[in-house]
């Protein structure tokens, strides 16, 4: 199942007119509907009364900091948000992702990269509501029966290994932070226990036949978290 671009409305909140114009042209050329706003309040007012499928949010807004906009938006909406910022600090990325951002793109960026991130986030939102198998011809994951296969051969995963694989695969392409994953797998009191996650990832990669240096599926974003890059 896919959302056609013509059925997808993307809200851009960025105070730079040239960036808004650039994004508007780029998004419309891909077939997306757009709504462009120069202030946080304009964007939030629109989103409070109109439907949209994605928000592209700049952090450096004149009336509210982007982090405050994200906090306000998350208090009443789960709409996917891609953050744009000239800041590239790893801790800030973690903070924003933990606060509910779905992805983070650092300025300057290429339009091809942004469009790819948009497709990933929209597809991830669909994947979260779908229950069918993941199957790329090599790796198959049956989410309902909690079974995993490599080249049609069953792979014995522990409960935690399957939980991690399922979490990443259902959000494939999306960056999940270490605290997000630790909270999901071990609960809120273990969000600092990153060594648990390192051990689990190593065991899971081994069972999937992955090369830890050049993994095909589970990608580590140093200091931030993990992505699943399956098809």
N, C-alpha and C. Protein backbone atom coordinates (compact mmCIF):
# COMPACT_ATOMS: atom_id res chain seq x y z
N UNK A 1 0.84 -1.19 0.00
CA UNK A 1 0.00 0.00 0.00
C UNK A 1 0.87 1.24 0.00
N UNK A 2 0.53 2.23 -0.85
CA UNK A 2 1.29 3.45 -0.94
C UNK A 2 0.35 4.64 -0.95
N UNK A 3 0.81 5.78 -0.42
CA UNK A 3 0.08 7.02 -0.54
C UNK A 3 0.57 7.72 -1.79
N UNK A 4 -0.34 8.07 -2.69
CA UNK A 4 0.05 8.78 -3.89
C UNK A 4 0.42 10.21 -3.51
N UNK A 5 1.49 10.79 -4.11
CA UNK A 5 1.88 12.15 -3.77
C UNK A 5 0.74 13.16 -3.87
N UNK A 6 -0.14 12.99 -4.87
CA UNK A 6 -1.24 13.93 -5.04
C UNK A 6 -2.20 13.92 -3.86
N UNK A 7 -2.18 12.84 -3.08
CA UNK A 7 -3.04 12.73 -1.90
C UNK A 7 -2.31 13.13 -0.63
N UNK A 8 -1.09 13.63 -0.78
CA UNK A 8 -0.24 13.95 0.38
C UNK A 8 -0.02 15.46 0.47
N UNK A 9 -0.44 16.05 1.59
CA UNK A 9 -0.23 17.47 1.83
C UNK A 9 0.92 17.64 2.81
N UNK A 10 1.91 18.43 2.40
CA UNK A 10 3.09 18.67 3.24
C UNK A 10 3.11 20.13 3.67
N UNK A 11 3.22 20.35 4.96
CA UNK A 11 3.29 21.70 5.53
C UNK A 11 4.75 22.05 5.80
N UNK A 12 5.19 23.18 5.25
CA UNK A 12 6.55 23.67 5.46
C UNK A 12 6.49 24.88 6.37
N UNK A 13 7.26 24.84 7.48
CA UNK A 13 7.35 25.98 8.40
C UNK A 13 8.81 26.42 8.45
N UNK A 14 9.12 27.52 7.76
CA UNK A 14 10.50 28.00 7.65
C UNK A 14 10.45 29.50 7.41
N UNK A 15 11.24 30.26 8.15
CA UNK A 15 11.15 31.72 8.05
C UNK A 15 11.94 32.30 6.89
N UNK A 16 12.73 31.49 6.18
CA UNK A 16 13.51 32.00 5.05
C UNK A 16 12.69 31.90 3.77
N UNK A 17 12.31 33.04 3.16
CA UNK A 17 11.48 33.01 1.94
C UNK A 17 12.07 32.18 0.82
N UNK A 18 13.40 32.24 0.65
CA UNK A 18 14.01 31.50 -0.45
C UNK A 18 13.93 29.99 -0.22
N UNK A 19 14.03 29.58 1.05
CA UNK A 19 13.91 28.15 1.38
C UNK A 19 12.47 27.69 1.15
N UNK A 20 11.50 28.49 1.60
CA UNK A 20 10.10 28.14 1.37
C UNK A 20 9.81 28.01 -0.12
N UNK A 21 10.29 28.97 -0.89
CA UNK A 21 10.06 28.93 -2.34
C UNK A 21 10.70 27.69 -2.96
N UNK A 22 11.94 27.42 -2.57
CA UNK A 22 12.67 26.26 -3.09
C UNK A 22 11.95 24.96 -2.75
N UNK A 23 11.53 24.84 -1.49
CA UNK A 23 10.85 23.61 -1.06
C UNK A 23 9.49 23.48 -1.74
N UNK A 24 8.78 24.58 -1.87
CA UNK A 24 7.48 24.54 -2.52
C UNK A 24 7.58 24.04 -3.95
N UNK A 25 8.55 24.57 -4.69
CA UNK A 25 8.75 24.15 -6.09
C UNK A 25 9.15 22.68 -6.14
N UNK A 26 10.10 22.29 -5.28
CA UNK A 26 10.60 20.91 -5.29
C UNK A 26 9.50 19.91 -4.94
N UNK A 27 8.71 20.24 -3.92
CA UNK A 27 7.66 19.32 -3.49
C UNK A 27 6.54 19.21 -4.54
N UNK A 28 6.15 20.34 -5.09
CA UNK A 28 5.09 20.31 -6.11
C UNK A 28 5.55 19.59 -7.37
N UNK A 29 6.86 19.67 -7.68
CA UNK A 29 7.38 18.95 -8.85
C UNK A 29 7.29 17.44 -8.67
N UNK A 30 7.26 16.99 -7.39
CA UNK A 30 7.09 15.56 -7.09
C UNK A 30 5.63 15.17 -6.96
N UNK A 31 4.73 16.15 -7.10
CA UNK A 31 3.31 15.87 -7.07
C UNK A 31 2.64 16.10 -5.73
N UNK A 32 3.41 16.56 -4.71
CA UNK A 32 2.84 16.79 -3.39
C UNK A 32 2.05 18.10 -3.35
N UNK A 33 1.01 18.13 -2.53
CA UNK A 33 0.34 19.37 -2.19
C UNK A 33 1.18 20.07 -1.11
N UNK A 34 1.18 21.39 -1.10
CA UNK A 34 2.00 22.10 -0.11
C UNK A 34 1.23 23.25 0.53
N UNK A 35 1.61 23.54 1.77
CA UNK A 35 1.20 24.75 2.47
C UNK A 35 2.46 25.31 3.12
N UNK A 36 2.78 26.57 2.85
CA UNK A 36 4.04 27.16 3.27
C UNK A 36 3.78 28.28 4.28
N UNK A 37 4.52 28.26 5.41
CA UNK A 37 4.34 29.25 6.45
C UNK A 37 5.70 29.77 6.93
N UNK A 38 5.74 31.07 7.27
CA UNK A 38 6.98 31.69 7.71
C UNK A 38 7.14 31.79 9.21
N UNK A 39 6.07 31.50 9.97
CA UNK A 39 6.16 31.54 11.43
C UNK A 39 5.56 30.28 12.03
N UNK A 40 5.96 30.01 13.27
CA UNK A 40 5.46 28.83 13.97
C UNK A 40 3.95 28.92 14.19
N UNK A 41 3.47 30.10 14.62
CA UNK A 41 2.06 30.24 14.94
C UNK A 41 1.18 30.06 13.72
N UNK A 42 1.63 30.54 12.56
CA UNK A 42 0.85 30.34 11.33
C UNK A 42 0.73 28.84 11.03
N UNK A 43 1.86 28.13 11.15
CA UNK A 43 1.85 26.70 10.88
C UNK A 43 0.99 25.93 11.85
N UNK A 44 1.13 26.23 13.15
CA UNK A 44 0.36 25.53 14.17
C UNK A 44 -1.14 25.82 14.03
N UNK A 45 -1.47 27.05 13.71
CA UNK A 45 -2.89 27.40 13.54
C UNK A 45 -3.48 26.60 12.38
N UNK A 46 -2.73 26.50 11.28
CA UNK A 46 -3.22 25.73 10.15
C UNK A 46 -3.40 24.26 10.52
N UNK A 47 -2.37 23.68 11.17
CA UNK A 47 -2.40 22.25 11.50
C UNK A 47 -3.47 21.91 12.52
N UNK A 48 -3.88 22.88 13.33
CA UNK A 48 -4.91 22.62 14.33
C UNK A 48 -6.29 22.46 13.72
N UNK A 49 -6.44 22.91 12.46
CA UNK A 49 -7.78 22.87 11.86
C UNK A 49 -7.83 22.15 10.51
N UNK A 50 -6.65 21.87 9.93
CA UNK A 50 -6.61 21.25 8.60
C UNK A 50 -5.77 19.96 8.65
N UNK A 51 -6.08 19.04 7.74
CA UNK A 51 -5.33 17.78 7.71
C UNK A 51 -4.08 17.92 6.85
N UNK A 52 -3.05 17.20 7.23
CA UNK A 52 -1.80 17.13 6.46
C UNK A 52 -1.14 15.80 6.80
N UNK A 53 -0.21 15.38 5.94
CA UNK A 53 0.45 14.09 6.16
C UNK A 53 1.88 14.21 6.65
N UNK A 54 2.47 15.42 6.57
CA UNK A 54 3.87 15.59 6.96
C UNK A 54 4.15 17.07 7.20
N UNK A 55 5.04 17.32 8.18
CA UNK A 55 5.50 18.69 8.45
C UNK A 55 7.01 18.73 8.27
N UNK A 56 7.49 19.75 7.54
CA UNK A 56 8.92 20.04 7.45
C UNK A 56 9.14 21.29 8.30
N UNK A 57 9.89 21.16 9.39
CA UNK A 57 9.98 22.19 10.41
C UNK A 57 11.40 22.72 10.57
N UNK A 58 11.58 24.02 10.36
CA UNK A 58 12.86 24.66 10.62
C UNK A 58 12.96 24.98 12.11
N UNK A 59 14.15 24.84 12.69
CA UNK A 59 14.32 25.11 14.12
C UNK A 59 14.42 26.60 14.43
N UNK A 60 15.04 27.37 13.53
CA UNK A 60 15.30 28.79 13.82
C UNK A 60 14.18 29.69 13.36
N UNK A 61 13.04 29.65 14.05
CA UNK A 61 11.89 30.46 13.68
C UNK A 61 11.86 31.75 14.50
N UNK A 62 11.25 32.82 13.97
CA UNK A 62 11.29 34.11 14.65
C UNK A 62 10.43 34.21 15.90
N UNK A 63 9.34 33.44 15.96
CA UNK A 63 8.41 33.58 17.08
C UNK A 63 8.52 32.48 18.13
N UNK A 64 8.87 31.26 17.71
CA UNK A 64 9.05 30.14 18.64
C UNK A 64 10.22 29.30 18.17
N UNK A 65 11.00 28.77 19.12
CA UNK A 65 12.05 27.83 18.75
C UNK A 65 11.41 26.55 18.23
N UNK A 66 12.05 25.95 17.22
CA UNK A 66 11.49 24.74 16.61
C UNK A 66 11.24 23.63 17.61
N UNK A 67 12.08 23.53 18.65
CA UNK A 67 11.87 22.50 19.67
C UNK A 67 10.56 22.74 20.42
N UNK A 68 10.22 24.00 20.66
CA UNK A 68 8.97 24.32 21.33
C UNK A 68 7.78 24.04 20.41
N UNK A 69 7.97 24.30 19.11
CA UNK A 69 6.91 23.99 18.15
C UNK A 69 6.65 22.49 18.13
N UNK A 70 7.72 21.71 18.13
CA UNK A 70 7.59 20.26 18.13
C UNK A 70 6.87 19.78 19.39
N UNK A 71 7.26 20.34 20.54
CA UNK A 71 6.62 19.96 21.80
C UNK A 71 5.13 20.27 21.78
N UNK A 72 4.79 21.46 21.29
CA UNK A 72 3.38 21.85 21.21
C UNK A 72 2.62 20.94 20.25
N UNK A 73 3.21 20.68 19.10
CA UNK A 73 2.54 19.83 18.11
C UNK A 73 2.32 18.42 18.64
N UNK A 74 3.31 17.88 19.33
CA UNK A 74 3.21 16.51 19.85
C UNK A 74 2.20 16.39 21.00
N UNK A 75 1.81 17.51 21.57
CA UNK A 75 0.82 17.45 22.65
C UNK A 75 -0.57 17.11 22.13
N UNK A 76 -0.77 17.27 20.78
CA UNK A 76 -2.10 16.96 20.25
C UNK A 76 -2.08 16.30 18.87
N UNK A 77 -0.90 16.00 18.33
CA UNK A 77 -0.85 15.39 17.00
C UNK A 77 0.34 14.45 16.88
N UNK A 78 0.14 13.36 16.11
CA UNK A 78 1.22 12.42 15.80
C UNK A 78 1.68 12.57 14.35
N UNK A 79 1.35 13.68 13.70
CA UNK A 79 1.76 13.88 12.31
C UNK A 79 3.28 13.78 12.20
N UNK A 80 3.80 13.09 11.19
CA UNK A 80 5.26 12.99 11.04
C UNK A 80 5.91 14.36 10.83
N UNK A 81 7.10 14.53 11.44
CA UNK A 81 7.83 15.79 11.36
C UNK A 81 9.28 15.53 10.96
N UNK A 82 9.73 16.21 9.92
CA UNK A 82 11.15 16.22 9.55
C UNK A 82 11.70 17.59 9.92
N UNK A 83 12.73 17.62 10.76
CA UNK A 83 13.32 18.86 11.23
C UNK A 83 14.44 19.29 10.28
N UNK A 84 14.47 20.59 9.97
CA UNK A 84 15.57 21.19 9.21
C UNK A 84 16.35 22.11 10.14
N UNK A 85 17.67 22.05 10.08
CA UNK A 85 18.46 22.93 10.93
C UNK A 85 19.87 23.06 10.41
N UNK A 86 20.48 24.22 10.68
CA UNK A 86 21.90 24.40 10.36
C UNK A 86 22.75 23.78 11.46
N UNK A 87 22.13 23.44 12.59
CA UNK A 87 22.85 22.83 13.71
C UNK A 87 23.02 21.34 13.46
N UNK A 88 24.19 20.81 13.75
CA UNK A 88 24.45 19.39 13.47
C UNK A 88 24.93 18.63 14.71
N UNK A 89 24.70 19.19 15.89
CA UNK A 89 25.14 18.56 17.13
C UNK A 89 24.41 17.24 17.35
N UNK A 90 25.16 16.17 17.65
CA UNK A 90 24.56 14.86 17.81
C UNK A 90 23.57 14.83 18.97
N UNK A 91 23.91 15.48 20.08
CA UNK A 91 23.01 15.46 21.23
C UNK A 91 21.70 16.16 20.91
N UNK A 92 21.76 17.22 20.11
CA UNK A 92 20.53 17.90 19.73
C UNK A 92 19.66 16.99 18.85
N UNK A 93 20.30 16.24 17.96
CA UNK A 93 19.55 15.29 17.14
C UNK A 93 18.82 14.30 18.04
N UNK A 94 19.52 13.76 19.03
CA UNK A 94 18.91 12.79 19.95
C UNK A 94 17.74 13.44 20.67
N UNK A 95 17.95 14.66 21.16
CA UNK A 95 16.89 15.36 21.90
C UNK A 95 15.65 15.55 21.04
N UNK A 96 15.85 15.98 19.80
CA UNK A 96 14.71 16.22 18.91
C UNK A 96 14.00 14.93 18.54
N UNK A 97 14.76 13.89 18.26
CA UNK A 97 14.14 12.61 17.91
C UNK A 97 13.39 12.04 19.10
N UNK A 98 13.96 12.17 20.29
CA UNK A 98 13.27 11.70 21.50
C UNK A 98 12.02 12.52 21.77
N UNK A 99 12.03 13.78 21.34
CA UNK A 99 10.87 14.66 21.56
C UNK A 99 9.77 14.41 20.55
N UNK A 100 10.04 13.56 19.55
CA UNK A 100 8.97 13.21 18.63
C UNK A 100 9.22 13.52 17.17
N UNK A 101 10.40 14.09 16.83
CA UNK A 101 10.70 14.27 15.42
C UNK A 101 10.92 12.91 14.77
N UNK A 102 10.53 12.79 13.50
CA UNK A 102 10.69 11.52 12.80
C UNK A 102 12.02 11.42 12.07
N UNK A 103 12.59 12.57 11.71
CA UNK A 103 13.91 12.57 11.10
C UNK A 103 14.48 13.98 11.18
N UNK A 104 15.75 14.10 10.79
CA UNK A 104 16.50 15.35 10.98
C UNK A 104 17.40 15.54 9.76
N UNK A 105 17.28 16.68 9.09
CA UNK A 105 18.10 16.98 7.92
C UNK A 105 18.86 18.28 8.19
N UNK A 106 20.18 18.24 8.03
CA UNK A 106 21.01 19.40 8.31
C UNK A 106 21.20 20.25 7.06
N UNK A 107 21.00 21.55 7.19
CA UNK A 107 21.25 22.49 6.09
C UNK A 107 22.75 22.69 5.93
N UNK A 108 23.26 22.85 4.72
CA UNK A 108 22.54 22.72 3.45
C UNK A 108 22.27 21.25 3.12
N UNK A 109 21.23 21.00 2.34
CA UNK A 109 20.87 19.63 1.99
C UNK A 109 20.52 19.58 0.51
N UNK A 110 20.59 18.39 -0.06
CA UNK A 110 20.20 18.23 -1.46
C UNK A 110 18.72 17.90 -1.52
N UNK A 111 18.06 18.33 -2.57
CA UNK A 111 16.63 18.04 -2.71
C UNK A 111 16.40 16.54 -2.84
N UNK A 112 17.36 15.82 -3.45
CA UNK A 112 17.21 14.37 -3.58
C UNK A 112 17.21 13.70 -2.22
N UNK A 113 18.09 14.16 -1.32
CA UNK A 113 18.14 13.59 0.03
C UNK A 113 16.84 13.86 0.76
N UNK A 114 16.35 15.09 0.68
CA UNK A 114 15.12 15.43 1.39
C UNK A 114 13.95 14.61 0.87
N UNK A 115 13.83 14.48 -0.45
CA UNK A 115 12.72 13.71 -1.02
C UNK A 115 12.79 12.25 -0.58
N UNK A 116 14.01 11.72 -0.50
CA UNK A 116 14.17 10.33 -0.04
C UNK A 116 13.73 10.21 1.42
N UNK A 117 14.11 11.17 2.25
CA UNK A 117 13.71 11.14 3.66
C UNK A 117 12.19 11.24 3.79
N UNK A 118 11.57 12.07 2.96
CA UNK A 118 10.11 12.22 2.98
C UNK A 118 9.45 10.89 2.65
N UNK A 119 9.93 10.23 1.60
CA UNK A 119 9.33 8.94 1.21
C UNK A 119 9.49 7.92 2.32
N UNK A 120 10.65 7.91 2.98
CA UNK A 120 10.89 6.96 4.06
C UNK A 120 9.93 7.20 5.23
N UNK A 121 9.78 8.45 5.62
CA UNK A 121 8.91 8.77 6.76
C UNK A 121 7.46 8.44 6.45
N UNK A 122 7.00 8.76 5.24
CA UNK A 122 5.62 8.46 4.87
C UNK A 122 5.40 6.95 4.80
N UNK A 123 6.39 6.23 4.25
CA UNK A 123 6.27 4.78 4.16
C UNK A 123 6.31 4.15 5.56
N UNK A 124 7.14 4.71 6.44
CA UNK A 124 7.23 4.19 7.80
C UNK A 124 5.91 4.33 8.52
N UNK A 125 5.22 5.45 8.33
CA UNK A 125 3.94 5.66 8.98
C UNK A 125 2.92 4.61 8.51
N UNK A 126 2.98 4.27 7.21
CA UNK A 126 2.11 3.21 6.70
C UNK A 126 2.49 1.86 7.29
N UNK A 127 3.79 1.59 7.36
CA UNK A 127 4.26 0.29 7.86
C UNK A 127 3.81 0.05 9.29
N UNK A 128 3.69 1.11 10.10
CA UNK A 128 3.30 0.96 11.49
C UNK A 128 1.88 0.44 11.63
N UNK A 129 1.05 0.67 10.60
CA UNK A 129 -0.35 0.24 10.67
C UNK A 129 -0.59 -1.04 9.87
N UNK A 130 0.42 -1.53 9.19
CA UNK A 130 0.27 -2.74 8.39
C UNK A 130 0.81 -3.95 9.16
N UNK A 131 0.20 -5.11 8.93
CA UNK A 131 0.61 -6.30 9.66
C UNK A 131 1.19 -7.38 8.74
N UNK A 132 1.30 -7.10 7.44
CA UNK A 132 1.81 -8.13 6.55
C UNK A 132 3.31 -8.33 6.75
N UNK A 133 3.83 -9.39 6.14
CA UNK A 133 5.24 -9.74 6.31
C UNK A 133 6.16 -8.69 5.68
N UNK A 134 7.39 -8.64 6.21
CA UNK A 134 8.48 -7.98 5.49
C UNK A 134 9.20 -9.08 4.72
N UNK A 135 9.43 -8.89 3.43
CA UNK A 135 10.06 -9.94 2.63
C UNK A 135 10.76 -9.30 1.44
N UNK A 136 12.10 -9.36 1.44
CA UNK A 136 12.85 -8.80 0.31
C UNK A 136 13.50 -9.88 -0.55
N UNK A 137 13.09 -11.13 -0.34
CA UNK A 137 13.65 -12.22 -1.11
C UNK A 137 14.79 -12.93 -0.40
N UNK A 138 15.40 -12.26 0.56
CA UNK A 138 16.47 -12.87 1.36
C UNK A 138 16.03 -12.97 2.82
N UNK A 139 15.61 -11.85 3.36
CA UNK A 139 15.12 -11.79 4.74
C UNK A 139 13.60 -11.69 4.74
N UNK A 140 12.96 -12.56 5.53
CA UNK A 140 11.51 -12.50 5.69
C UNK A 140 11.19 -12.41 7.17
N UNK A 141 10.30 -11.47 7.52
CA UNK A 141 9.88 -11.32 8.91
C UNK A 141 8.36 -11.41 8.95
N UNK A 142 7.85 -12.39 9.67
CA UNK A 142 6.41 -12.52 9.89
C UNK A 142 6.10 -11.88 11.23
N UNK A 143 5.53 -10.68 11.19
CA UNK A 143 5.30 -9.92 12.42
C UNK A 143 4.25 -10.57 13.31
N UNK A 144 3.24 -11.18 12.69
CA UNK A 144 2.14 -11.76 13.46
C UNK A 144 2.59 -13.03 14.17
N UNK A 145 3.27 -13.93 13.43
CA UNK A 145 3.71 -15.20 14.00
C UNK A 145 5.07 -15.10 14.68
N UNK A 146 5.70 -13.91 14.59
CA UNK A 146 6.99 -13.65 15.25
C UNK A 146 8.05 -14.65 14.79
N UNK A 147 8.16 -14.81 13.47
CA UNK A 147 9.13 -15.72 12.89
C UNK A 147 9.99 -14.98 11.88
N UNK A 148 11.25 -15.43 11.77
CA UNK A 148 12.21 -14.82 10.87
C UNK A 148 12.87 -15.90 10.02
N UNK A 149 13.08 -15.58 8.72
CA UNK A 149 13.67 -16.54 7.79
C UNK A 149 14.78 -15.87 6.98
N UNK A 150 15.85 -16.62 6.76
CA UNK A 150 16.92 -16.21 5.85
C UNK A 150 16.99 -17.24 4.74
N UNK A 151 16.79 -16.78 3.51
CA UNK A 151 16.75 -17.72 2.38
C UNK A 151 15.82 -18.89 2.66
N UNK A 152 14.65 -18.59 3.19
CA UNK A 152 13.57 -19.55 3.48
C UNK A 152 13.88 -20.49 4.64
N UNK A 153 15.02 -20.28 5.30
CA UNK A 153 15.38 -21.10 6.45
C UNK A 153 15.07 -20.33 7.74
N UNK A 154 14.35 -20.99 8.65
CA UNK A 154 13.98 -20.33 9.90
C UNK A 154 15.22 -19.98 10.72
N UNK A 155 15.19 -18.79 11.32
CA UNK A 155 16.27 -18.32 12.18
C UNK A 155 15.72 -18.22 13.60
N UNK A 156 16.41 -18.84 14.54
CA UNK A 156 15.95 -18.83 15.93
C UNK A 156 16.40 -17.55 16.62
N UNK A 157 15.45 -16.65 16.87
CA UNK A 157 15.74 -15.41 17.58
C UNK A 157 15.14 -15.46 18.97
N UNK A 158 15.83 -14.87 19.92
CA UNK A 158 15.26 -14.74 21.25
C UNK A 158 14.14 -13.70 21.21
N UNK A 159 13.37 -13.62 22.29
CA UNK A 159 12.27 -12.65 22.35
C UNK A 159 12.79 -11.22 22.14
N UNK A 160 13.90 -10.88 22.81
CA UNK A 160 14.44 -9.53 22.70
C UNK A 160 15.01 -9.28 21.29
N UNK A 161 15.66 -10.27 20.70
CA UNK A 161 16.20 -10.11 19.35
C UNK A 161 15.09 -9.86 18.35
N UNK A 162 13.99 -10.62 18.46
CA UNK A 162 12.89 -10.40 17.52
C UNK A 162 12.22 -9.06 17.78
N UNK A 163 12.10 -8.68 19.05
CA UNK A 163 11.49 -7.39 19.38
C UNK A 163 12.27 -6.26 18.74
N UNK A 164 13.60 -6.30 18.83
CA UNK A 164 14.44 -5.27 18.22
C UNK A 164 14.30 -5.28 16.70
N UNK A 165 14.39 -6.46 16.10
CA UNK A 165 14.29 -6.56 14.64
C UNK A 165 12.93 -6.05 14.17
N UNK A 166 11.87 -6.45 14.85
CA UNK A 166 10.52 -6.02 14.49
C UNK A 166 10.37 -4.51 14.62
N UNK A 167 10.88 -3.95 15.71
CA UNK A 167 10.79 -2.50 15.94
C UNK A 167 11.48 -1.73 14.82
N UNK A 168 12.69 -2.17 14.47
CA UNK A 168 13.43 -1.47 13.42
C UNK A 168 12.78 -1.66 12.05
N UNK A 169 12.34 -2.89 11.76
CA UNK A 169 11.77 -3.18 10.44
C UNK A 169 10.44 -2.47 10.23
N UNK A 170 9.64 -2.36 11.27
CA UNK A 170 8.36 -1.64 11.14
C UNK A 170 8.58 -0.15 10.92
N UNK A 171 9.73 0.35 11.32
CA UNK A 171 10.07 1.77 11.13
C UNK A 171 11.22 1.91 10.13
N UNK A 172 11.26 1.01 9.15
CA UNK A 172 12.43 0.96 8.27
C UNK A 172 12.71 2.29 7.58
N UNK A 173 14.01 2.59 7.57
CA UNK A 173 14.47 3.86 7.02
C UNK A 173 14.50 4.98 8.03
N UNK A 174 13.77 4.83 9.12
CA UNK A 174 13.66 5.90 10.12
C UNK A 174 14.70 5.70 11.21
N UNK A 175 15.31 6.79 11.62
CA UNK A 175 16.31 6.75 12.68
C UNK A 175 15.63 6.69 14.04
N UNK A 176 15.91 5.61 14.80
CA UNK A 176 15.40 5.47 16.16
C UNK A 176 16.57 5.68 17.12
N UNK A 177 16.38 6.52 18.13
CA UNK A 177 17.47 6.80 19.05
C UNK A 177 17.68 5.65 20.03
N UNK A 178 18.88 5.62 20.60
CA UNK A 178 19.18 4.59 21.60
C UNK A 178 18.20 4.64 22.77
N UNK A 179 17.90 5.82 23.36
CA UNK A 179 16.93 5.85 24.46
C UNK A 179 15.55 5.35 24.04
N UNK A 180 15.10 5.68 22.82
CA UNK A 180 13.81 5.19 22.35
C UNK A 180 13.79 3.66 22.33
N UNK A 181 14.85 3.08 21.78
CA UNK A 181 14.90 1.62 21.64
C UNK A 181 15.02 0.97 23.01
N UNK A 182 15.88 1.50 23.87
CA UNK A 182 16.05 0.92 25.21
C UNK A 182 14.76 0.97 26.01
N UNK A 183 14.04 2.09 25.90
CA UNK A 183 12.77 2.21 26.61
C UNK A 183 11.77 1.18 26.10
N UNK A 184 11.74 0.99 24.78
CA UNK A 184 10.79 0.05 24.17
C UNK A 184 11.11 -1.39 24.58
N UNK A 185 12.40 -1.74 24.63
CA UNK A 185 12.79 -3.13 24.88
C UNK A 185 12.92 -3.46 26.36
N UNK A 186 13.42 -2.51 27.17
CA UNK A 186 13.70 -2.82 28.57
C UNK A 186 12.96 -1.95 29.58
N UNK A 187 12.25 -0.94 29.09
CA UNK A 187 11.50 -0.08 30.00
C UNK A 187 12.22 1.23 30.29
N UNK A 188 11.51 2.19 30.91
CA UNK A 188 12.04 3.55 31.11
C UNK A 188 13.23 3.65 32.05
N UNK A 189 13.46 2.64 32.88
CA UNK A 189 14.59 2.71 33.82
C UNK A 189 15.91 2.27 33.19
N UNK A 190 15.89 1.88 31.92
CA UNK A 190 17.11 1.37 31.28
C UNK A 190 17.56 2.23 30.09
N UNK A 191 17.12 3.49 30.04
CA UNK A 191 17.42 4.32 28.86
C UNK A 191 18.89 4.73 28.77
N UNK A 192 19.66 4.49 29.82
CA UNK A 192 21.10 4.80 29.78
C UNK A 192 21.95 3.55 29.55
N UNK A 193 21.32 2.39 29.53
CA UNK A 193 22.08 1.13 29.47
C UNK A 193 22.39 0.75 28.03
N UNK A 194 23.21 1.58 27.37
CA UNK A 194 23.49 1.37 25.95
C UNK A 194 24.27 0.09 25.69
N UNK A 195 24.98 -0.41 26.70
CA UNK A 195 25.74 -1.66 26.50
C UNK A 195 24.80 -2.83 26.25
N UNK A 196 23.60 -2.79 26.84
CA UNK A 196 22.60 -3.83 26.55
C UNK A 196 22.32 -3.87 25.05
N UNK A 197 22.13 -2.68 24.49
CA UNK A 197 21.76 -2.58 23.08
C UNK A 197 22.91 -3.01 22.17
N UNK A 198 24.13 -2.63 22.51
CA UNK A 198 25.28 -3.03 21.69
C UNK A 198 25.40 -4.55 21.62
N UNK A 199 25.24 -5.20 22.75
CA UNK A 199 25.33 -6.67 22.79
C UNK A 199 24.21 -7.30 21.96
N UNK A 200 22.99 -6.77 22.12
CA UNK A 200 21.84 -7.31 21.39
C UNK A 200 21.99 -7.13 19.89
N UNK A 201 22.45 -5.96 19.47
CA UNK A 201 22.65 -5.69 18.04
C UNK A 201 23.69 -6.64 17.46
N UNK A 202 24.79 -6.84 18.19
CA UNK A 202 25.83 -7.75 17.71
C UNK A 202 25.30 -9.17 17.53
N UNK A 203 24.51 -9.66 18.49
CA UNK A 203 23.94 -11.00 18.38
C UNK A 203 22.96 -11.10 17.22
N UNK A 204 22.13 -10.06 17.06
CA UNK A 204 21.14 -10.07 15.98
C UNK A 204 21.81 -10.02 14.62
N UNK A 205 22.81 -9.17 14.47
CA UNK A 205 23.54 -9.10 13.20
C UNK A 205 24.17 -10.44 12.87
N UNK A 206 24.73 -11.10 13.87
CA UNK A 206 25.36 -12.40 13.66
C UNK A 206 24.35 -13.42 13.14
N UNK A 207 23.15 -13.42 13.72
CA UNK A 207 22.13 -14.38 13.29
C UNK A 207 21.57 -14.06 11.90
N UNK A 208 21.62 -12.77 11.53
CA UNK A 208 21.17 -12.38 10.19
C UNK A 208 22.26 -12.55 9.14
N UNK A 209 23.46 -12.94 9.59
CA UNK A 209 24.58 -13.10 8.66
C UNK A 209 25.13 -11.79 8.17
N UNK A 210 25.02 -10.76 9.01
CA UNK A 210 25.47 -9.43 8.61
C UNK A 210 26.95 -9.22 8.90
N UNK A 211 27.60 -8.45 8.03
CA UNK A 211 28.96 -7.99 8.27
C UNK A 211 28.85 -6.74 9.14
N UNK A 212 29.41 -6.79 10.34
CA UNK A 212 29.29 -5.66 11.26
C UNK A 212 29.90 -4.38 10.71
N UNK A 213 30.92 -4.51 9.85
CA UNK A 213 31.58 -3.33 9.29
C UNK A 213 30.74 -2.73 8.16
N UNK A 214 30.11 -3.60 7.35
CA UNK A 214 29.28 -3.14 6.23
C UNK A 214 27.92 -3.83 6.31
N UNK A 215 27.13 -3.50 7.31
CA UNK A 215 25.84 -4.17 7.48
C UNK A 215 24.85 -3.82 6.36
N UNK A 216 24.01 -4.77 6.03
CA UNK A 216 23.00 -4.56 4.99
C UNK A 216 21.70 -4.02 5.56
N UNK A 217 21.37 -4.42 6.78
CA UNK A 217 20.08 -4.07 7.34
C UNK A 217 20.15 -3.09 8.52
N UNK A 218 20.89 -3.44 9.56
CA UNK A 218 20.89 -2.64 10.78
C UNK A 218 22.09 -1.69 10.75
N UNK A 219 21.79 -0.40 10.56
CA UNK A 219 22.82 0.61 10.41
C UNK A 219 22.93 1.43 11.69
N UNK A 220 24.15 1.57 12.19
CA UNK A 220 24.39 2.38 13.38
C UNK A 220 24.72 3.81 12.99
N UNK A 221 23.97 4.77 13.56
CA UNK A 221 24.30 6.19 13.43
C UNK A 221 25.06 6.55 14.70
N UNK A 222 26.39 6.69 14.65
CA UNK A 222 27.20 6.86 15.85
C UNK A 222 26.69 7.97 16.77
N UNK A 223 26.53 7.62 18.04
CA UNK A 223 26.10 8.58 19.03
C UNK A 223 24.63 8.91 19.02
N UNK A 224 23.88 8.34 18.06
CA UNK A 224 22.46 8.68 17.95
C UNK A 224 21.57 7.46 18.09
N UNK A 225 21.67 6.51 17.15
CA UNK A 225 20.78 5.36 17.21
C UNK A 225 20.94 4.42 16.05
N UNK A 226 19.84 3.80 15.63
CA UNK A 226 19.86 2.75 14.62
C UNK A 226 18.82 3.00 13.53
N UNK A 227 19.13 2.55 12.32
CA UNK A 227 18.19 2.54 11.21
C UNK A 227 18.13 1.13 10.63
N UNK A 228 16.98 0.75 10.11
CA UNK A 228 16.84 -0.49 9.34
C UNK A 228 16.70 -0.06 7.88
N UNK A 229 17.61 -0.55 7.03
CA UNK A 229 17.63 -0.10 5.64
C UNK A 229 17.14 -1.15 4.67
N UNK A 230 16.25 -2.04 5.09
CA UNK A 230 15.67 -3.00 4.16
C UNK A 230 14.81 -2.31 3.12
N UNK A 231 14.46 -3.07 2.10
CA UNK A 231 13.66 -2.51 1.01
C UNK A 231 12.22 -2.27 1.47
